[in-house]
Amino acid sequence: MKNNSFLILLVGILIGVAFMFTFSRVSESRRVLKTATRDWRKLYLVLQTVDNHYVDSVDRQKVSEAAIDAALAALDPHSVYMPPQKLEDAEQDLAGNFSGIGIQFNVPNDTAVVIEVIPGGPAEKIGMQAGDRLLKVDTTNIAGVRFPQDSMVRRMKGPSGTRVLVTVKRGNEEIPFDITRDKIPTHSVDAAFMVNDTTGFLRLSKFARTTYEEFARATLELQAAGMKHLIVDLRDNSGGYFDQALLLSNLFLPKGKEIVYLEGLHRKRESFKADGKGLFQDTGLTLLVSDGSASSSEIFAGAMQDNRRATLVGRRTYGKGLVQEPVYFTDGSGIRLTVARYYTPSGRCIQKPINDDYAYDIYYRYANGEMVNADSMHVANGGILPDIFVPMDTTKVESFYINCNKKATTMRFASAWFDAHKKELQAIDNYDDLLKYLDGAGLERQFLAFARERDGLAPKGREWEVERSYMMTQIRALVGRYSKLGDNAFYHLYLSTDEVFKAAMAHI
């Protein structure tokens, strides 16, 4: 009986996943369970046979998780099982806060460099600075040993009130920081600034729990600066919380306008409409989209397009329009089960077809010419089609750029520049002042020397003539990011070579 109890429990879980008995009335649950037990009899028999006859002892947790993984994988690519740690990490990221020390860093070579110390966070309060090199976390050496970046993050994150010792290198000095972890806000609005007297730009990276508040606050600030038209960059925004997409859509639509509806075999059609209280109903709107814009990004984009509220510029979005409902288990794990599909107000299904080539869809878009030819885009393939198509520009890069990219030469140059000019950069808090500084810094000559001396790389023939504008914009943006303007400087500088942004501005 003990052996069979495990199997009965596992089958019960799988039956519950398949039929979502959590959401059914008791009488319906009993009927479903009776039918499901008969349909899933083979699975029960297999697991019973394993438990009774396998040559060694069975790791029941491992087998049960493998069975759940396999069952969900047979449904669709977005119905997934998440063990406790993975579930916790995913929900912390979307929730808009986590416990840690409050820094952002990248790894341009083999040592992590602090890009930003989050204002008000534990690291900022104790004196850590942008440009510090991370050497150790507690007693673990993380510099010069190809230490995985996600492992660095995990070691620095932890429950509020716990302590961690982070040793950094600043100039020639090693400094230990004994930091008490605390709640750290994470942001979904990466940048928000005026690009001219009447046009604002806002970069939105995800739909987290705090997205609506961040978005509304940033947009109000832009309005106060004279904004009449807003460009929202949704490129590579993979989505997140559904309610945040509804709240953002509501900001721009009059009362009664449909935002989205969802429907599934066990879900009657449910429609969501604007309440007419949106703050920005009279603000001009343009959305930048790409094949990396997914889920909540597509809900927002589809609602704006179908209600003729915004112009979409870029390329066809990803096509992720399945509704996942969470189910949590007492051990801290959980599943995300697909229960319905999202449809735009005009009835377009956002979800792209699920077939054997689903995982390679983006590759096929390149192979079939969709990235450079608007005629290759089709509504039946899912996603949201832009109003203004902008083909991918493949003319800006040659082998010198590709080789520099492989060795992260531009990022390492920006980091080395900051080391040598930290005081100057950290004093800049005005965009016009930053432009003047970058114009007079001699970055081009020094970058080419850095690439040649450090990495043995030099442009050949006409390579630099082709790549110069694009690469120097990238270098200026990376260096500018180390100023007090942070990501606002990075994105503002980068827009000068952004063809999608240029097309949006031309349409406005």
Protein backbone atom coordinates (compact mmCIF):
# COMPACT_ATOMS: atom_id res chain seq x y z
CA MET A 1 0.00 0.00 0.00
CA LYS A 2 2.88 2.39 0.72
CA ASN A 3 4.28 1.82 -2.75
CA ASN A 4 0.93 2.36 -4.39
CA SER A 5 0.20 5.52 -2.42
CA PHE A 6 2.99 7.35 -4.24
CA LEU A 7 1.67 6.24 -7.61
CA ILE A 8 -1.88 7.21 -6.79
CA LEU A 9 -0.66 10.63 -5.65
CA LEU A 10 1.35 11.17 -8.85
CA VAL A 11 -1.48 10.12 -11.13
CA GLY A 12 -3.80 12.37 -9.17
CA ILE A 13 -1.49 15.31 -9.77
CA LEU A 14 -1.29 14.58 -13.48
CA ILE A 15 -5.04 14.21 -13.74
CA GLY A 16 -5.47 17.49 -11.96
CA VAL A 17 -3.06 19.19 -14.35
CA ALA A 18 -4.88 17.87 -17.39
CA PHE A 19 -8.39 18.76 -16.27
CA MET A 20 -7.82 21.68 -13.89
CA PHE A 21 -10.06 20.13 -11.25
CA THR A 22 -9.04 22.94 -8.90
CA PHE A 23 -11.39 25.22 -10.76
CA SER A 24 -14.34 22.81 -11.14
CA ARG A 25 -17.33 22.27 -8.93
CA VAL A 26 -17.07 19.24 -6.62
CA SER A 27 -19.62 17.17 -8.50
CA GLU A 28 -17.92 17.90 -11.83
CA SER A 29 -14.52 17.04 -10.34
CA ARG A 30 -15.70 13.57 -9.36
CA ARG A 31 -17.08 12.92 -12.82
CA VAL A 32 -13.86 14.14 -14.49
CA LEU A 33 -11.65 12.16 -12.16
CA LYS A 34 -13.57 8.97 -12.86
CA THR A 35 -13.23 9.44 -16.61
CA ALA A 36 -9.62 10.55 -16.40
CA THR A 37 -8.62 7.55 -14.29
CA ARG A 38 -9.82 5.25 -17.06
CA ASP A 39 -8.12 7.29 -19.81
CA TRP A 40 -4.83 7.48 -17.94
CA ARG A 41 -4.79 3.83 -16.86
CA LYS A 42 -1.67 2.98 -18.89
CA LEU A 43 0.38 5.66 -17.10
CA TYR A 44 -0.71 4.30 -13.74
CA LEU A 45 0.21 0.75 -14.78
CA VAL A 46 3.66 1.84 -16.00
CA LEU A 47 4.45 3.68 -12.78
CA GLN A 48 3.12 0.81 -10.66
CA THR A 49 5.31 -1.64 -12.57
CA VAL A 50 8.38 0.58 -12.07
CA ASP A 51 7.70 0.91 -8.37
CA ASN A 52 7.16 -2.85 -7.89
CA HIS A 53 9.82 -4.31 -10.13
CA TYR A 54 12.61 -1.81 -10.92
CA VAL A 55 16.10 -3.22 -10.26
CA ASP A 56 17.09 -0.46 -7.80
CA SER A 57 15.31 1.84 -5.40
CA VAL A 58 13.32 4.57 -7.14
CA ASP A 59 13.91 8.27 -6.57
CA ARG A 60 10.22 9.13 -6.44
CA GLN A 61 10.67 12.90 -6.52
CA LYS A 62 12.87 12.66 -9.60
CA VAL A 63 10.46 10.30 -11.38
CA SER A 64 7.38 12.33 -10.47
CA GLU A 65 8.95 15.58 -11.73
CA ALA A 66 10.07 13.87 -14.94
CA ALA A 67 6.54 12.52 -15.48
CA ILE A 68 5.01 15.96 -14.93
CA ASP A 69 7.55 17.55 -17.30
CA ALA A 70 6.75 14.99 -19.98
CA ALA A 71 2.98 15.34 -19.57
CA LEU A 72 3.09 19.13 -19.91
CA ALA A 73 5.56 19.04 -22.80
CA ALA A 74 3.04 16.93 -24.76
CA LEU A 75 0.52 19.79 -24.52
CA ASP A 76 2.32 22.92 -25.74
CA PRO A 77 5.71 24.63 -25.28
CA HIS A 78 4.39 27.09 -22.67
CA SER A 79 2.75 24.71 -20.20
CA VAL A 80 5.62 24.05 -17.80
CA TYR A 81 6.52 22.63 -14.42
CA MET A 82 8.82 24.69 -12.19
CA PRO A 83 10.71 23.32 -9.18
CA PRO A 84 10.67 25.53 -6.07
CA GLN A 85 13.81 27.57 -6.80
CA LYS A 86 12.95 28.18 -10.43
CA LEU A 87 9.42 29.23 -9.52
CA GLU A 88 10.69 31.58 -6.82
CA ASP A 89 13.21 33.20 -9.19
CA ALA A 90 10.60 33.67 -11.93
CA GLU A 91 8.07 35.25 -9.60
CA GLN A 92 10.63 37.52 -7.94
CA ASP A 93 11.68 38.88 -11.33
CA LEU A 94 8.11 39.65 -12.37
CA ALA A 95 7.08 40.92 -8.95
CA GLY A 96 9.34 43.93 -9.42
CA ASN A 97 11.54 43.40 -6.38
CA PHE A 98 13.93 40.93 -4.80
CA SER A 99 16.30 40.81 -1.89
CA GLY A 100 19.96 41.48 -2.64
CA ILE A 101 22.65 44.14 -2.51
CA GLY A 102 21.42 46.49 -5.26
CA ILE A 103 23.89 46.57 -8.15
CA GLN A 104 23.82 46.04 -11.91
CA PHE A 105 26.93 44.64 -13.55
CA ASN A 106 28.22 43.13 -16.75
CA VAL A 107 31.16 40.87 -17.51
CA PRO A 108 33.08 42.45 -20.43
CA ASN A 109 36.08 40.15 -20.05
CA ASP A 110 36.40 37.67 -17.19
CA THR A 111 35.69 40.01 -14.30
CA ALA A 112 32.32 41.52 -13.43
CA VAL A 113 32.20 45.32 -13.50
CA VAL A 114 29.56 47.31 -11.63
CA ILE A 115 27.61 49.46 -14.12
CA GLU A 116 25.12 50.95 -11.69
CA VAL A 117 24.65 51.06 -7.95
CA ILE A 118 20.90 51.30 -7.38
CA PRO A 119 20.08 54.50 -5.44
CA GLY A 120 18.95 53.79 -1.89
CA GLY A 121 20.05 50.16 -2.06
CA PRO A 122 22.38 48.44 0.44
CA ALA A 123 25.46 48.64 -1.82
CA GLU A 124 24.99 52.37 -2.44
CA LYS A 125 24.51 53.09 1.25
CA ILE A 126 27.77 51.36 2.17
CA GLY A 127 29.84 53.06 -0.55
CA MET A 128 30.10 50.69 -3.52
CA GLN A 129 30.55 52.58 -6.80
CA ALA A 130 30.07 52.12 -10.53
CA GLY A 131 33.31 50.77 -12.01
CA ASP A 132 34.17 48.55 -9.05
CA ARG A 133 35.46 45.10 -10.09
CA LEU A 134 33.86 42.18 -8.26
CA LEU A 135 36.56 39.87 -6.91
CA LYS A 136 34.91 37.72 -4.24
CA VAL A 137 31.54 36.90 -2.76
CA ASP A 138 32.21 35.79 0.81
CA THR A 139 35.23 33.48 0.36
CA THR A 140 34.49 32.47 -3.24
CA ASN A 141 36.72 33.95 -5.94
CA ILE A 142 34.57 35.07 -8.90
CA ALA A 143 37.16 37.04 -10.91
CA GLY A 144 39.39 35.57 -13.61
CA VAL A 145 37.96 32.06 -13.25
CA ARG A 146 35.11 32.20 -15.79
CA PHE A 147 32.57 32.14 -12.98
CA PRO A 148 29.00 31.87 -14.41
CA GLN A 149 27.15 35.18 -14.29
CA ASP A 150 23.89 33.65 -13.03
CA SER A 151 25.82 32.02 -10.19
CA MET A 152 27.24 35.41 -9.20
CA VAL A 153 23.70 36.78 -9.03
CA ARG A 154 22.49 33.88 -6.88
CA ARG A 155 25.34 34.32 -4.41
CA MET A 156 24.64 38.02 -3.97
CA LYS A 157 20.88 37.62 -3.69
CA GLY A 158 19.38 36.34 -0.47
CA PRO A 159 16.78 36.99 2.23
CA SER A 160 16.47 40.50 3.61
CA GLY A 161 18.52 40.97 6.76
CA THR A 162 21.20 38.43 5.86
CA ARG A 163 24.77 39.54 5.28
CA VAL A 164 27.23 38.98 2.47
CA LEU A 165 30.87 40.03 2.12
CA VAL A 166 31.64 41.38 -1.36
CA THR A 167 35.28 42.22 -2.14
CA VAL A 168 35.89 44.63 -5.00
CA LYS A 169 38.90 46.13 -6.72
CA ARG A 170 38.91 49.91 -7.12
CA GLY A 171 42.00 51.16 -8.88
CA ASN A 172 44.86 49.29 -7.20
CA GLU A 173 43.01 48.81 -3.93
CA GLU A 174 40.95 45.82 -2.78
CA ILE A 175 37.97 46.83 -0.63
CA PRO A 176 35.74 44.42 1.35
CA PHE A 177 32.10 45.51 1.73
CA ASP A 178 30.10 43.81 4.48
CA ILE A 179 26.56 44.31 3.11
CA THR A 180 23.22 43.54 4.72
CA ARG A 181 20.79 42.46 2.02
CA ASP A 182 17.46 44.24 1.62
CA LYS A 183 14.52 44.49 -0.80
CA ILE A 184 15.69 45.87 -4.15
CA PRO A 185 13.25 47.32 -6.65
CA THR A 186 13.66 46.08 -10.22
CA HIS A 187 12.53 48.32 -13.04
CA SER A 188 10.67 47.63 -16.25
CA VAL A 189 11.04 51.18 -17.61
CA ASP A 190 14.69 51.15 -18.68
CA ALA A 191 14.75 54.70 -20.04
CA ALA A 192 12.44 57.68 -20.54
CA PHE A 193 13.52 60.98 -22.09
CA MET A 194 12.56 63.68 -24.60
CA VAL A 195 13.98 63.29 -28.11
CA ASN A 196 12.76 66.74 -29.17
CA ASP A 197 10.48 69.46 -27.83
CA THR A 198 7.27 67.46 -28.24
CA THR A 199 8.26 63.77 -28.58
CA GLY A 200 9.13 61.44 -25.73
CA PHE A 201 10.78 58.03 -25.84
CA LEU A 202 10.14 55.25 -23.29
CA ARG A 203 11.91 51.90 -23.29
CA LEU A 204 9.81 49.15 -21.65
CA SER A 205 11.67 45.88 -21.02
CA LYS A 206 8.96 43.71 -19.41
CA PHE A 207 5.51 43.67 -17.82
CA ALA A 208 6.34 43.29 -14.15
CA ARG A 209 4.14 43.88 -11.13
CA THR A 210 5.29 47.53 -10.97
CA THR A 211 5.08 48.29 -14.72
CA TYR A 212 1.87 50.33 -14.65
CA GLU A 213 3.09 52.58 -11.84
CA GLU A 214 6.51 53.07 -13.45
CA PHE A 215 5.03 53.71 -16.89
CA ALA A 216 2.43 56.22 -15.68
CA ARG A 217 4.95 58.10 -13.54
CA ALA A 218 7.53 58.31 -16.36
CA THR A 219 4.93 59.39 -18.92
CA LEU A 220 3.57 62.11 -16.63
CA GLU A 221 7.11 63.44 -16.21
CA LEU A 222 7.54 63.52 -19.99
CA GLN A 223 4.22 65.34 -20.34
CA ALA A 224 5.42 67.91 -17.84
CA ALA A 225 8.46 68.42 -20.09
CA GLY A 226 6.21 69.22 -23.06
CA MET A 227 5.54 65.80 -24.60
CA LYS A 228 2.63 65.55 -27.04
CA HIS A 229 3.60 62.24 -28.69
CA LEU A 230 5.08 59.15 -27.02
CA ILE A 231 7.19 56.45 -28.66
CA VAL A 232 7.14 53.23 -26.60
CA ASP A 233 9.89 50.72 -27.43
CA LEU A 234 8.52 47.18 -26.93
CA ARG A 235 11.23 45.43 -28.90
CA ASP A 236 12.46 42.26 -27.16
CA ASN A 237 9.91 42.77 -24.37
CA SER A 238 8.91 39.16 -23.65
CA GLY A 239 5.83 40.10 -21.64
CA GLY A 240 4.83 39.22 -18.09
CA TYR A 241 1.74 40.00 -16.04
CA PHE A 242 -1.51 40.12 -18.03
CA ASP A 243 -3.14 42.73 -15.78
CA GLN A 244 -0.31 45.17 -16.46
CA ALA A 245 -1.02 44.97 -20.20
CA LEU A 246 -4.68 45.76 -19.44
CA LEU A 247 -3.74 48.71 -17.23
CA LEU A 248 -1.38 50.18 -19.85
CA SER A 249 -3.98 49.76 -22.59
CA ASN A 250 -6.58 51.43 -20.38
CA LEU A 251 -4.37 54.52 -20.13
CA PHE A 252 -4.86 55.26 -23.83
CA LEU A 253 -8.41 54.08 -24.69
CA PRO A 254 -11.86 55.67 -24.30
CA LYS A 255 -14.57 53.97 -22.28
CA GLY A 256 -16.01 50.75 -23.68
CA LYS A 257 -13.23 50.00 -26.16
CA GLU A 258 -12.24 46.34 -26.10
CA ILE A 259 -8.64 45.61 -25.13
CA VAL A 260 -8.49 41.83 -25.55
CA TYR A 261 -10.58 38.72 -25.07
CA LEU A 262 -9.64 35.17 -24.14
CA GLU A 263 -11.33 31.88 -24.91
CA GLY A 264 -10.62 28.17 -24.55
CA LEU A 265 -12.35 24.78 -24.50
CA HIS A 266 -13.00 25.06 -20.76
CA ARG A 267 -13.06 28.88 -20.67
CA LYS A 268 -16.02 30.82 -21.99
CA ARG A 269 -15.17 34.00 -23.87
CA GLU A 270 -14.11 36.71 -21.45
CA SER A 271 -13.72 40.26 -22.74
CA PHE A 272 -11.77 43.12 -21.15
CA LYS A 273 -12.69 46.73 -21.91
CA ALA A 274 -11.38 50.20 -21.05
CA ASP A 275 -13.10 52.16 -18.29
CA GLY A 276 -12.49 55.59 -19.85
CA LYS A 277 -10.38 56.88 -16.96
CA GLY A 278 -7.04 56.67 -18.78
CA LEU A 279 -4.66 59.58 -18.29
CA PHE A 280 -3.23 59.65 -21.82
CA GLN A 281 -6.22 59.34 -24.14
CA ASP A 282 -5.16 62.49 -26.00
CA THR A 283 -1.45 61.64 -26.22
CA GLY A 284 -0.09 60.58 -29.61
CA LEU A 285 1.33 57.05 -29.54
CA THR A 286 3.77 54.99 -31.61
CA LEU A 287 4.92 51.49 -30.65
CA LEU A 288 8.20 49.89 -31.79
CA VAL A 289 7.88 46.10 -32.12
CA SER A 290 10.07 43.16 -33.14
CA ASP A 291 10.11 39.37 -33.27
CA GLY A 292 11.15 39.51 -29.60
CA SER A 293 7.96 41.33 -28.52
CA ALA A 294 5.73 38.69 -26.94
CA SER A 295 2.76 37.94 -24.70
CA SER A 296 1.65 41.07 -22.80
CA SER A 297 3.56 43.22 -25.31
CA GLU A 298 1.38 41.78 -28.05
CA ILE A 299 -1.82 42.30 -26.07
CA PHE A 300 -0.95 45.97 -25.61
CA ALA A 301 0.18 46.38 -29.24
CA GLY A 302 -2.86 44.55 -30.63
CA ALA A 303 -5.28 46.64 -28.56
CA MET A 304 -3.69 49.88 -29.70
CA GLN A 305 -3.61 48.82 -33.34
CA ASP A 306 -7.16 47.45 -33.56
CA ASN A 307 -8.57 50.56 -31.87
CA ARG A 308 -6.53 52.77 -34.25
CA ARG A 309 -4.91 54.30 -31.22
CA ALA A 310 -1.26 53.81 -32.19
CA THR A 311 0.97 53.19 -35.17
CA LEU A 312 3.13 50.06 -34.92
CA VAL A 313 6.60 50.24 -36.47
CA GLY A 314 9.09 47.39 -36.91
CA ARG A 315 8.61 43.69 -37.66
CA ARG A 316 6.06 40.97 -36.83
CA THR A 317 5.90 40.16 -33.14
CA TYR A 318 6.72 36.77 -31.63
CA GLY A 319 3.21 35.28 -31.53
CA LYS A 320 2.80 34.11 -27.93
CA GLY A 321 -0.91 34.35 -27.16
CA LEU A 322 -1.62 31.46 -24.80
CA VAL A 323 -3.12 32.04 -21.36
CA GLN A 324 -1.15 30.36 -18.58
CA GLU A 325 -2.84 29.80 -15.23
CA PRO A 326 -0.66 29.02 -12.19
CA VAL A 327 -1.19 26.03 -9.92
CA TYR A 328 0.94 25.85 -6.77
CA PHE A 329 1.97 22.80 -4.76
CA THR A 330 2.75 22.64 -1.06
CA ASP A 331 6.46 21.89 -1.65
CA GLY A 332 6.94 25.32 -3.26
CA SER A 333 6.84 24.06 -6.84
CA GLY A 334 4.13 24.81 -9.37
CA ILE A 335 2.95 24.62 -12.94
CA ARG A 336 1.85 27.13 -15.54
CA LEU A 337 -0.93 25.49 -17.55
CA THR A 338 -2.33 26.84 -20.81
CA VAL A 339 -6.11 27.24 -20.45
CA ALA A 340 -7.10 29.67 -23.25
CA ARG A 341 -5.91 31.83 -26.15
CA TYR A 342 -5.72 35.60 -26.43
CA TYR A 343 -7.49 37.41 -29.28
CA THR A 344 -7.22 41.06 -30.32
CA PRO A 345 -10.46 43.11 -30.47
CA SER A 346 -10.84 42.36 -34.20
CA GLY A 347 -10.65 38.61 -33.52
CA ARG A 348 -7.04 37.92 -34.48
CA CYS A 349 -5.47 35.06 -32.53
CA ILE A 350 -2.13 36.28 -31.22
CA GLN A 351 -0.70 32.76 -30.87
CA LYS A 352 1.36 31.46 -33.78
CA PRO A 353 0.72 27.87 -34.94
CA ILE A 354 2.21 25.16 -32.74
CA ASN A 355 3.88 22.51 -34.87
CA ASP A 356 7.09 20.47 -35.07
CA ASP A 357 9.02 23.56 -36.21
CA TYR A 358 7.73 25.80 -33.41
CA ALA A 359 11.11 26.11 -31.67
CA TYR A 360 12.73 27.19 -34.95
CA ASP A 361 10.11 29.75 -35.99
CA ILE A 362 12.41 32.77 -35.70
CA TYR A 363 15.11 30.98 -37.71
CA TYR A 364 12.61 30.29 -40.47
CA ARG A 365 11.61 33.94 -40.54
CA TYR A 366 15.21 34.77 -41.40
CA ALA A 367 15.48 31.92 -43.91
CA ASN A 368 12.19 32.82 -45.62
CA GLY A 369 13.11 36.48 -45.99
CA GLU A 370 10.52 37.88 -43.61
CA MET A 371 13.09 40.04 -41.84
CA VAL A 372 13.82 41.97 -45.03
CA ASN A 373 10.60 41.67 -47.03
CA ALA A 374 7.17 42.84 -45.83
CA ASP A 375 5.42 40.58 -48.35
CA SER A 376 6.63 37.55 -46.40
CA MET A 377 4.54 38.49 -43.33
CA HIS A 378 1.13 36.80 -42.97
CA VAL A 379 -1.61 37.24 -40.37
CA ALA A 380 -2.21 33.48 -40.31
CA ASN A 381 1.28 32.98 -38.89
CA GLY A 382 0.31 34.69 -35.63
CA GLY A 383 1.78 37.67 -33.88
CA ILE A 384 0.96 41.32 -34.54
CA LEU A 385 1.93 42.75 -37.93
CA PRO A 386 3.33 46.30 -37.89
CA ASP A 387 1.67 49.16 -39.74
CA ILE A 388 5.07 50.30 -40.96
CA PHE A 389 7.53 47.52 -41.78
CA VAL A 390 11.22 48.25 -41.30
CA PRO A 391 13.55 45.59 -42.73
CA MET A 392 16.57 44.42 -40.84
CA ASP A 393 19.65 46.38 -41.90
CA THR A 394 22.43 43.96 -42.80
CA THR A 395 24.72 46.56 -44.37
CA LYS A 396 26.32 48.03 -41.24
CA VAL A 397 28.65 45.25 -40.15
CA GLU A 398 31.71 43.56 -41.57
CA SER A 399 34.15 41.05 -40.10
CA PHE A 400 35.86 43.63 -37.86
CA TYR A 401 32.60 44.27 -35.99
CA ILE A 402 31.88 40.54 -35.74
CA ASN A 403 35.36 39.79 -34.35
CA CYS A 404 35.11 42.66 -31.86
CA ASN A 405 31.72 41.36 -30.78
CA LYS A 406 33.14 37.88 -30.15
CA LYS A 407 35.74 39.33 -27.77
CA ALA A 408 33.45 42.00 -26.26
CA THR A 409 36.04 44.56 -27.37
CA THR A 410 33.65 47.53 -27.30
CA MET A 411 32.39 46.73 -23.79
CA ARG A 412 35.88 46.20 -22.46
CA PHE A 413 37.04 49.45 -24.04
CA ALA A 414 34.15 51.34 -22.39
CA SER A 415 35.04 49.79 -19.04
CA ALA A 416 38.72 50.67 -19.42
CA TRP A 417 37.78 54.21 -20.44
CA PHE A 418 35.69 54.59 -17.31
CA ASP A 419 38.60 53.42 -15.15
CA ALA A 420 40.77 56.16 -16.61
CA HIS A 421 38.11 58.91 -16.67
CA LYS A 422 35.83 58.04 -13.77
CA LYS A 423 35.80 61.47 -12.14
CA GLU A 424 34.92 63.22 -15.41
CA LEU A 425 32.13 60.82 -16.37
CA GLN A 426 30.52 60.68 -12.94
CA ALA A 427 30.25 64.47 -12.92
CA ILE A 428 28.08 64.53 -16.06
CA ASP A 429 24.32 64.66 -15.44
CA ASN A 430 23.17 66.55 -18.54
CA TYR A 431 22.76 65.07 -22.02
CA ASP A 432 24.12 68.09 -23.88
CA ASP A 433 27.18 68.09 -21.63
CA LEU A 434 27.65 64.38 -22.31
CA LEU A 435 27.58 64.96 -26.08
CA LYS A 436 30.22 67.68 -25.79
CA TYR A 437 32.40 65.42 -23.67
CA LEU A 438 32.12 62.48 -26.08
CA ASP A 439 32.74 64.68 -29.12
CA GLY A 440 36.03 65.90 -27.65
CA ALA A 441 37.22 62.65 -26.10
CA GLY A 442 39.03 61.17 -29.11
CA LEU A 443 37.21 57.85 -28.69
CA GLU A 444 37.65 56.64 -32.27
CA ARG A 445 41.44 56.80 -32.30
CA GLN A 446 41.74 55.29 -28.84
CA PHE A 447 39.27 52.49 -29.54
CA LEU A 448 41.11 51.40 -32.69
CA ALA A 449 44.37 51.40 -30.72
CA PHE A 450 42.74 49.38 -27.92
CA ALA A 451 41.36 46.79 -30.36
CA ARG A 452 44.75 46.44 -32.05
CA GLU A 453 46.87 46.28 -28.90
CA ARG A 454 44.58 44.23 -26.64
CA ASP A 455 42.87 41.90 -29.11
CA GLY A 456 45.03 42.02 -32.25
CA LEU A 457 42.06 43.32 -34.27
CA ALA A 458 42.09 45.96 -36.99
CA PRO A 459 39.63 46.80 -39.79
CA LYS A 460 40.67 45.76 -43.28
CA GLY A 461 40.03 47.49 -46.59
CA ARG A 462 36.75 49.42 -46.47
CA GLU A 463 35.51 47.73 -43.28
CA TRP A 464 35.88 50.77 -41.05
CA GLU A 465 34.25 53.00 -43.65
CA VAL A 466 31.20 50.69 -43.56
CA GLU A 467 31.17 50.08 -39.81
CA ARG A 468 32.43 53.36 -38.40
CA SER A 469 29.12 55.14 -37.77
CA TYR A 470 27.43 52.10 -36.22
CA MET A 471 30.36 51.03 -34.05
CA MET A 472 31.22 54.50 -32.82
CA THR A 473 27.60 55.08 -31.83
CA GLN A 474 27.73 51.84 -29.87
CA ILE A 475 30.99 52.85 -28.19
CA ARG A 476 29.67 56.31 -27.30
CA ALA A 477 26.54 54.74 -25.84
CA LEU A 478 28.55 52.27 -23.74
CA VAL A 479 30.83 55.00 -22.43
CA GLY A 480 27.89 57.35 -21.83
CA ARG A 481 26.19 54.69 -19.74
CA TYR A 482 28.86 55.22 -17.08
CA SER A 483 27.75 58.83 -16.59
CA LYS A 484 25.06 59.75 -14.08
CA LEU A 485 22.52 59.52 -16.91
CA GLY A 486 22.89 55.73 -17.02
CA ASP A 487 20.56 53.90 -19.43
CA ASN A 488 18.91 57.16 -20.50
CA ALA A 489 22.25 58.12 -22.05
CA PHE A 490 22.76 54.66 -23.57
CA TYR A 491 19.40 54.52 -25.37
CA HIS A 492 19.41 58.19 -26.34
CA LEU A 493 22.79 57.83 -28.03
CA TYR A 494 21.88 54.54 -29.68
CA LEU A 495 18.79 55.98 -31.38
CA SER A 496 20.93 57.85 -33.92
CA THR A 497 21.60 54.57 -35.78
CA ASP A 498 18.22 52.93 -35.05
CA GLU A 499 16.35 52.55 -38.35
CA VAL A 500 13.08 51.54 -36.66
CA PHE A 501 13.15 54.65 -34.50
CA LYS A 502 13.98 56.80 -37.52
CA ALA A 503 10.99 55.36 -39.40
CA ALA A 504 8.76 56.13 -36.41
CA MET A 505 9.98 59.71 -36.25
CA ALA A 506 9.49 60.17 -40.00
CA HIS A 507 5.86 59.00 -39.66
CA ILE A 508 5.15 61.34 -36.76
